[in-house]
Amino acid sequence: MLNKKIKEILIGTNNVGKLKEISDLLPNSVKIFSTKDFKLKSPKENGKSFRQNSEIKAKHFSKKTKKICLADDSGLEIDLINGQPGIFSARWGGKNNNFNKAISRVFRELYRKDKKWMEKKIRARFICALTIYWPSGKIINSEGKVEGFISNKKKGKNGFGYDPIFIPLKSRLTFGQMNPKKNIKLITGLMLIKKLKNFFNIVIFYFIKIKDMIYFFIFYFKYTYFTFKFIFF
């Protein structure tokens, strides 16, 4: 059993936006390190799923620094274009992670598939896998998602990546238009790190209000169920 509290952790990403999102969710009592503190380059992400890629990053950075590492891999899946960009979400932005370029490609691919796509509700989802890797080789991971639709144009300047074109279910706003502190993408229940208090047999009721909607998340932690069983408190 993992019964030792985490006092410090390395956030395994070179993406400034992700670093801020994850750091904001951790308790102030946890000392946070970034890959820049160690001048580390990201490993090659050759996994076939979000979970595999998150594990690759967490293990790589932990081995390099001998520190506990929290890493994620996330992306956008769009039904109309067969789940693309999926695990290649960041790569659609090119070497410089230019998400204006990535969003333009999304619009081109949608138009290629259906010239009237802008008049329809295009189903999509944000998916995120999180992994914590200990220098000892202990590993914990979990995955979550937010269902929604694709906006027919960019809206909002908050967040990063595909946030300006993703509208979560039961909302009229894109992630890019939402107040970052109320953005359910962080991650959507999955990243409610700062509310985790025990390892096993926990039910967490967490409410996040966005305009007039209240999103209700229930997480039941047990050996054979949802396995994101770690603690910072």
Protein backbone atom coordinates (compact mmCIF):
# COMPACT_ATOMS: atom_id res chain seq x y z
CA MET A 1 0.00 0.00 0.00
CA LEU A 2 1.14 3.51 -0.76
CA ASN A 3 0.86 5.19 2.60
CA LYS A 4 3.58 7.80 2.40
CA LYS A 5 2.45 11.31 1.65
CA ILE A 6 3.90 13.00 -1.42
CA LYS A 7 5.83 16.10 -0.39
CA GLU A 8 7.40 16.92 -3.75
CA ILE A 9 6.76 15.91 -7.33
CA LEU A 10 8.06 16.46 -10.83
CA ILE A 11 5.49 17.46 -13.44
CA GLY A 12 6.58 15.53 -16.51
CA THR A 13 5.91 17.93 -19.36
CA ASN A 14 7.67 20.57 -21.40
CA ASN A 15 4.31 22.08 -22.32
CA VAL A 16 3.94 25.35 -20.39
CA GLY A 17 0.15 25.22 -20.55
CA LYS A 18 -0.04 21.72 -19.12
CA LEU A 19 2.51 22.54 -16.44
CA LYS A 20 0.34 25.41 -15.21
CA GLU A 21 -2.91 23.40 -15.33
CA ILE A 22 -1.53 20.51 -13.31
CA SER A 23 0.42 22.71 -10.88
CA ASP A 24 -2.71 24.73 -10.11
CA LEU A 25 -4.48 21.55 -8.98
CA LEU A 26 -1.85 20.43 -6.50
CA PRO A 27 -1.84 21.49 -2.85
CA ASN A 28 0.41 24.41 -1.93
CA SER A 29 2.23 22.13 0.49
CA VAL A 30 3.66 20.06 -2.37
CA LYS A 31 6.96 21.24 -3.82
CA ILE A 32 6.72 21.18 -7.59
CA PHE A 33 9.58 20.63 -10.02
CA SER A 34 9.43 21.08 -13.78
CA THR A 35 11.46 19.40 -16.49
CA LYS A 36 13.15 22.74 -17.11
CA ASP A 37 14.65 22.58 -13.61
CA PHE A 38 16.67 19.62 -14.86
CA LYS A 39 16.99 20.73 -18.50
CA LEU A 40 15.31 17.54 -19.69
CA LYS A 41 13.99 16.85 -23.17
CA SER A 42 10.77 14.93 -23.66
CA PRO A 43 11.00 11.25 -24.64
CA LYS A 44 9.69 9.89 -27.90
CA GLU A 45 5.98 9.20 -27.46
CA ASN A 46 5.55 5.99 -29.41
CA GLY A 47 2.71 4.50 -27.39
CA LYS A 48 -0.53 3.39 -29.01
CA SER A 49 -2.79 5.00 -26.42
CA PHE A 50 -2.98 8.03 -24.14
CA ARG A 51 -2.19 5.80 -21.15
CA GLN A 52 0.90 4.31 -22.75
CA ASN A 53 2.26 7.74 -23.65
CA SER A 54 1.65 9.10 -20.17
CA GLU A 55 3.52 6.12 -18.72
CA ILE A 56 6.42 6.63 -21.12
CA LYS A 57 6.83 10.24 -19.99
CA ALA A 58 6.39 9.61 -16.27
CA LYS A 59 8.88 6.73 -16.26
CA HIS A 60 11.41 8.63 -18.39
CA PHE A 61 11.47 11.74 -16.23
CA SER A 62 11.40 9.81 -12.96
CA LYS A 63 14.38 7.68 -14.00
CA LYS A 64 16.31 10.77 -15.08
CA THR A 65 15.71 12.70 -11.85
CA LYS A 66 15.12 9.97 -9.24
CA LYS A 67 11.94 11.82 -8.28
CA ILE A 68 8.27 10.91 -8.23
CA CYS A 69 6.85 12.09 -11.54
CA LEU A 70 3.31 12.94 -12.58
CA ALA A 71 2.79 12.99 -16.35
CA ASP A 72 -0.23 13.14 -18.58
CA ASP A 73 -1.11 12.54 -22.17
CA SER A 74 -4.26 14.10 -23.50
CA GLY A 75 -5.94 14.95 -26.75
CA LEU A 76 -9.07 15.49 -28.76
CA GLU A 77 -11.09 12.78 -30.50
CA ILE A 78 -13.62 13.80 -33.15
CA ASP A 79 -16.16 11.24 -34.30
CA LEU A 80 -16.66 12.58 -37.83
CA ILE A 81 -12.99 12.10 -38.68
CA ASN A 82 -12.69 8.67 -37.10
CA GLY A 83 -11.36 9.76 -33.73
CA GLN A 84 -8.63 12.01 -35.07
CA PRO A 85 -6.40 13.70 -34.04
CA GLY A 86 -6.41 11.43 -30.98
CA ILE A 87 -2.96 10.60 -29.63
CA PHE A 88 -1.51 12.77 -32.39
CA SER A 89 -3.30 15.90 -31.13
CA ALA A 90 -0.11 17.76 -30.24
CA ARG A 91 1.68 16.63 -33.39
CA TRP A 92 -0.99 18.23 -35.56
CA GLY A 93 0.50 21.50 -34.36
CA GLY A 94 3.89 20.69 -35.85
CA LYS A 95 7.30 20.88 -34.22
CA ASN A 96 6.47 24.19 -32.56
CA ASN A 97 3.13 23.01 -31.13
CA ASN A 98 1.28 25.67 -33.08
CA PHE A 99 -2.34 24.96 -32.18
CA ASN A 100 -3.65 27.58 -34.56
CA LYS A 101 -2.19 25.33 -37.22
CA ALA A 102 -3.69 22.27 -35.54
CA ILE A 103 -7.16 23.82 -35.33
CA SER A 104 -6.98 24.85 -38.99
CA ARG A 105 -6.20 21.25 -39.86
CA VAL A 106 -9.19 20.06 -37.81
CA PHE A 107 -11.45 22.38 -39.81
CA ARG A 108 -9.94 21.20 -43.11
CA GLU A 109 -10.39 17.54 -42.21
CA LEU A 110 -13.99 18.13 -41.15
CA TYR A 111 -14.74 20.00 -44.38
CA ARG A 112 -13.14 17.22 -46.40
CA LYS A 113 -15.42 14.72 -44.70
CA ASP A 114 -18.60 16.80 -44.78
CA LYS A 115 -18.82 20.17 -46.52
CA LYS A 116 -21.82 21.09 -44.35
CA TRP A 117 -20.19 20.15 -41.05
CA MET A 118 -20.48 23.73 -39.75
CA GLU A 119 -24.26 23.38 -39.72
CA LYS A 120 -24.18 20.25 -37.57
CA LYS A 121 -23.28 19.19 -34.06
CA ILE A 122 -19.99 17.38 -34.37
CA ARG A 123 -19.45 15.03 -31.44
CA ALA A 124 -16.03 14.99 -29.84
CA ARG A 125 -14.30 14.39 -26.53
CA PHE A 126 -11.23 15.41 -24.61
CA ILE A 127 -9.37 12.44 -23.16
CA CYS A 128 -6.64 12.55 -20.54
CA ALA A 129 -4.51 9.80 -19.04
CA LEU A 130 -2.50 10.48 -15.88
CA THR A 131 0.40 8.45 -14.55
CA ILE A 132 2.43 8.75 -11.37
CA TYR A 133 5.74 6.90 -11.43
CA TRP A 134 7.98 6.33 -8.41
CA PRO A 135 11.76 5.82 -8.67
CA SER A 136 11.16 2.40 -7.13
CA GLY A 137 9.15 1.39 -10.19
CA LYS A 138 5.74 1.73 -8.54
CA ILE A 139 3.20 3.08 -10.99
CA ILE A 140 -0.39 4.36 -10.74
CA ASN A 141 -2.50 5.59 -13.63
CA SER A 142 -6.04 6.43 -14.65
CA GLU A 143 -7.95 7.90 -17.54
CA GLY A 144 -10.92 10.23 -17.96
CA LYS A 145 -12.81 12.11 -20.62
CA VAL A 146 -15.17 15.03 -21.27
CA GLU A 147 -17.81 14.65 -23.97
CA GLY A 148 -18.83 17.59 -26.12
CA PHE A 149 -18.97 19.17 -29.56
CA ILE A 150 -16.74 21.07 -31.95
CA SER A 151 -17.36 24.80 -32.39
CA ASN A 152 -17.46 25.97 -36.02
CA LYS A 153 -15.04 28.77 -35.14
CA LYS A 154 -12.49 29.63 -32.49
CA LYS A 155 -13.96 31.26 -29.38
CA GLY A 156 -12.16 32.51 -26.31
CA LYS A 157 -8.57 33.10 -25.31
CA ASN A 158 -8.30 31.06 -22.11
CA GLY A 159 -6.60 27.70 -21.85
CA PHE A 160 -4.46 26.31 -24.63
CA GLY A 161 -4.46 23.71 -27.38
CA TYR A 162 -7.90 22.91 -28.78
CA ASP A 163 -9.74 24.72 -25.95
CA PRO A 164 -11.13 27.47 -28.26
CA ILE A 165 -13.06 24.95 -30.39
CA PHE A 166 -14.34 22.45 -27.81
CA ILE A 167 -17.77 22.91 -26.23
CA PRO A 168 -18.51 20.48 -23.36
CA LEU A 169 -21.96 18.96 -23.08
CA LYS A 170 -24.62 21.17 -21.46
CA SER A 171 -22.58 24.31 -22.03
CA ARG A 172 -22.69 27.04 -24.66
CA LEU A 173 -19.12 28.09 -24.01
CA THR A 174 -15.92 26.62 -25.34
CA PHE A 175 -13.16 25.76 -22.89
CA GLY A 176 -11.42 28.84 -24.26
CA GLN A 177 -14.27 31.06 -23.09
CA MET A 178 -14.53 29.60 -19.60
CA ASN A 179 -13.00 30.96 -16.45
CA PRO A 180 -9.94 28.69 -16.01
CA LYS A 181 -10.86 28.07 -12.36
CA LYS A 182 -14.23 26.65 -13.47
CA ASN A 183 -13.01 24.69 -16.48
CA ILE A 184 -14.07 21.06 -16.05
CA LYS A 185 -11.28 19.88 -18.29
CA LEU A 186 -8.91 20.10 -15.32
CA ILE A 187 -9.27 17.08 -15.74
CA THR A 188 -12.80 16.52 -15.49
CA GLY A 189 -12.88 14.78 -12.28
CA LEU A 190 -9.73 12.89 -13.15
CA MET A 191 -7.50 15.78 -12.10
CA LEU A 192 -9.22 16.48 -8.80
CA ILE A 193 -5.91 15.72 -7.16
CA LYS A 194 -6.22 18.27 -4.42
CA LYS A 195 -9.40 16.66 -3.09
CA LEU A 196 -8.04 13.14 -2.68
CA LYS A 197 -7.70 12.29 1.00
CA ASN A 198 -7.30 8.51 1.27
CA PHE A 199 -6.03 5.60 -0.81
CA PHE A 200 -8.96 3.20 -0.81
CA ASN A 201 -12.73 2.99 -0.37
CA ILE A 202 -13.39 6.69 -0.91
CA VAL A 203 -16.41 8.34 -2.42
CA ILE A 204 -15.70 11.90 -3.50
CA PHE A 205 -18.54 14.26 -4.31
CA TYR A 206 -17.17 17.23 -6.17
CA PHE A 207 -19.21 20.05 -7.65
CA ILE A 208 -18.00 22.53 -10.22
CA LYS A 209 -20.38 25.27 -11.28
CA ILE A 210 -20.22 26.59 -14.81
CA LYS A 211 -22.84 29.25 -15.38
CA ASP A 212 -26.14 27.59 -14.38
CA MET A 213 -24.89 24.01 -14.67
CA ILE A 214 -23.50 21.90 -11.84
CA TYR A 215 -21.31 19.02 -12.84
CA PHE A 216 -21.45 16.21 -10.32
CA PHE A 217 -18.60 13.72 -10.15
CA ILE A 218 -18.56 10.58 -8.03
CA PHE A 219 -15.34 8.61 -7.72
CA TYR A 220 -15.24 5.32 -5.85
CA PHE A 221 -11.69 4.22 -5.10
CA LYS A 222 -11.11 0.52 -4.45
CA TYR A 223 -8.61 -2.14 -5.54
CA THR A 224 -10.70 -3.40 -8.44
CA TYR A 225 -12.35 -0.14 -9.50
CA PHE A 226 -10.98 3.32 -10.32
CA THR A 227 -7.24 3.05 -9.63
CA PHE A 228 -5.97 6.57 -9.21
CA LYS A 229 -5.07 5.82 -5.57
CA PHE A 230 -2.48 8.30 -4.37
CA ILE A 231 -2.35 11.06 -1.81
CA PHE A 232 -0.76 14.43 -1.44
CA PHE A 233 -2.24 15.40 1.90
